[in-house]
Amino acid sequence: MSIDTSTGHKDMDYREHTRTYAGFLLMTKVLIISVAAILIGMGIFLVH
């Protein structure tokens, strides 16, 4: 994803904003996969 930040506010730290957003997306993916694994494990070990 490429965003032109040259016309943005001079006090905005766009590099840090982009890094934080990328970290948020990564942790969201990890959380979704973890919850799916827990639910699959519950389905396997608690139902049988």
N, C-alpha and C. Protein backbone atom coordinates (compact mmCIF):
# COMPACT_ATOMS: atom_id res chain seq x y z
N MET A 1 0.84 -1.15 0.00
CA MET A 1 0.00 0.00 0.00
C MET A 1 0.90 1.23 0.00
N SER A 2 0.63 2.13 -0.88
CA SER A 2 1.44 3.34 -0.98
C SER A 2 0.55 4.56 -0.79
N ILE A 3 0.92 5.39 0.16
CA ILE A 3 0.16 6.60 0.46
C ILE A 3 1.10 7.78 0.33
N ASP A 4 0.64 8.81 -0.36
CA ASP A 4 1.44 10.03 -0.51
C ASP A 4 1.26 10.88 0.74
N THR A 5 2.30 10.97 1.55
CA THR A 5 2.24 11.74 2.79
C THR A 5 2.89 13.10 2.66
N SER A 6 3.25 13.49 1.46
CA SER A 6 3.93 14.77 1.28
C SER A 6 3.02 15.95 1.54
N THR A 7 1.72 15.79 1.41
CA THR A 7 0.79 16.88 1.63
C THR A 7 0.16 16.83 3.01
N GLY A 8 0.64 15.92 3.87
CA GLY A 8 0.08 15.78 5.21
C GLY A 8 0.56 16.85 6.16
N HIS A 9 0.07 16.77 7.36
CA HIS A 9 0.44 17.73 8.40
C HIS A 9 1.89 17.52 8.80
N LYS A 10 2.60 18.60 9.04
CA LYS A 10 4.04 18.52 9.32
C LYS A 10 4.35 17.85 10.66
N ASP A 11 3.41 17.87 11.60
CA ASP A 11 3.65 17.27 12.91
C ASP A 11 3.27 15.79 12.97
N MET A 12 2.65 15.29 11.92
CA MET A 12 2.23 13.89 11.90
C MET A 12 3.41 12.98 11.60
N ASP A 13 3.61 11.96 12.45
CA ASP A 13 4.68 11.00 12.25
C ASP A 13 4.11 9.82 11.46
N TYR A 14 4.13 9.95 10.14
CA TYR A 14 3.50 8.94 9.29
C TYR A 14 4.22 7.60 9.35
N ARG A 15 5.51 7.60 9.53
CA ARG A 15 6.25 6.35 9.62
C ARG A 15 5.79 5.55 10.85
N GLU A 16 5.66 6.22 11.97
CA GLU A 16 5.21 5.55 13.20
C GLU A 16 3.75 5.11 13.06
N HIS A 17 2.94 5.91 12.44
CA HIS A 17 1.54 5.55 12.23
C HIS A 17 1.43 4.28 11.38
N THR A 18 2.20 4.22 10.31
CA THR A 18 2.19 3.06 9.43
C THR A 18 2.70 1.82 10.17
N ARG A 19 3.75 1.98 10.98
CA ARG A 19 4.30 0.86 11.74
C ARG A 19 3.28 0.35 12.77
N THR A 20 2.59 1.25 13.43
CA THR A 20 1.59 0.86 14.42
C THR A 20 0.43 0.13 13.75
N TYR A 21 -0.02 0.62 12.62
CA TYR A 21 -1.12 -0.01 11.90
C TYR A 21 -0.73 -1.41 11.42
N ALA A 22 0.49 -1.56 10.93
CA ALA A 22 0.97 -2.88 10.49
C ALA A 22 1.01 -3.84 11.67
N GLY A 23 1.44 -3.36 12.83
CA GLY A 23 1.44 -4.19 14.03
C GLY A 23 0.04 -4.58 14.45
N PHE A 24 -0.90 -3.64 14.35
CA PHE A 24 -2.29 -3.93 14.67
C PHE A 24 -2.85 -5.02 13.76
N LEU A 25 -2.57 -4.91 12.47
CA LEU A 25 -3.05 -5.93 11.53
C LEU A 25 -2.44 -7.29 11.82
N LEU A 26 -1.15 -7.32 12.13
CA LEU A 26 -0.48 -8.58 12.45
C LEU A 26 -1.09 -9.22 13.69
N MET A 27 -1.29 -8.44 14.74
CA MET A 27 -1.84 -8.99 15.98
C MET A 27 -3.29 -9.43 15.79
N THR A 28 -4.04 -8.75 14.94
CA THR A 28 -5.41 -9.16 14.64
C THR A 28 -5.42 -10.52 13.96
N LYS A 29 -4.53 -10.72 13.01
CA LYS A 29 -4.42 -12.01 12.32
C LYS A 29 -4.03 -13.11 13.29
N VAL A 30 -3.06 -12.83 14.17
CA VAL A 30 -2.62 -13.82 15.16
C VAL A 30 -3.77 -14.18 16.09
N LEU A 31 -4.52 -13.18 16.53
CA LEU A 31 -5.64 -13.43 17.44
C LEU A 31 -6.72 -14.28 16.77
N ILE A 32 -7.05 -13.97 15.52
CA ILE A 32 -8.07 -14.74 14.80
C ILE A 32 -7.63 -16.19 14.63
N ILE A 33 -6.38 -16.40 14.27
CA ILE A 33 -5.87 -17.77 14.11
C ILE A 33 -5.87 -18.50 15.44
N SER A 34 -5.49 -17.81 16.52
CA SER A 34 -5.48 -18.43 17.85
C SER A 34 -6.87 -18.84 18.29
N VAL A 35 -7.84 -17.96 18.10
CA VAL A 35 -9.22 -18.28 18.48
C VAL A 35 -9.73 -19.45 17.66
N ALA A 36 -9.42 -19.48 16.37
CA ALA A 36 -9.84 -20.60 15.52
C ALA A 36 -9.21 -21.90 16.01
N ALA A 37 -7.93 -21.87 16.38
CA ALA A 37 -7.26 -23.08 16.87
C ALA A 37 -7.89 -23.54 18.19
N ILE A 38 -8.21 -22.62 19.07
CA ILE A 38 -8.86 -22.99 20.34
C ILE A 38 -10.22 -23.62 20.08
N LEU A 39 -11.00 -23.03 19.18
CA LEU A 39 -12.32 -23.58 18.89
C LEU A 39 -12.22 -24.96 18.24
N ILE A 40 -11.26 -25.14 17.35
CA ILE A 40 -11.06 -26.46 16.74
C ILE A 40 -10.64 -27.47 17.81
N GLY A 41 -9.73 -27.07 18.69
CA GLY A 41 -9.32 -27.95 19.78
C GLY A 41 -10.47 -28.31 20.69
N MET A 42 -11.32 -27.34 21.00
CA MET A 42 -12.49 -27.62 21.83
C MET A 42 -13.43 -28.58 21.12
N GLY A 43 -13.58 -28.40 19.81
CA GLY A 43 -14.45 -29.29 19.05
C GLY A 43 -13.93 -30.71 19.02
N ILE A 44 -12.62 -30.86 18.97
CA ILE A 44 -12.03 -32.20 18.92
C ILE A 44 -12.02 -32.86 20.30
N PHE A 45 -11.55 -32.13 21.31
CA PHE A 45 -11.33 -32.76 22.61
C PHE A 45 -12.51 -32.71 23.57
N LEU A 46 -13.44 -31.82 23.38
CA LEU A 46 -14.56 -31.73 24.31
C LEU A 46 -15.82 -32.42 23.80
N VAL A 47 -15.94 -32.59 22.50
CA VAL A 47 -17.16 -33.16 21.94
C VAL A 47 -17.09 -34.70 21.93
N HIS A 48 -15.92 -35.23 21.70
CA HIS A 48 -15.82 -36.68 21.60
C HIS A 48 -15.73 -37.34 22.92
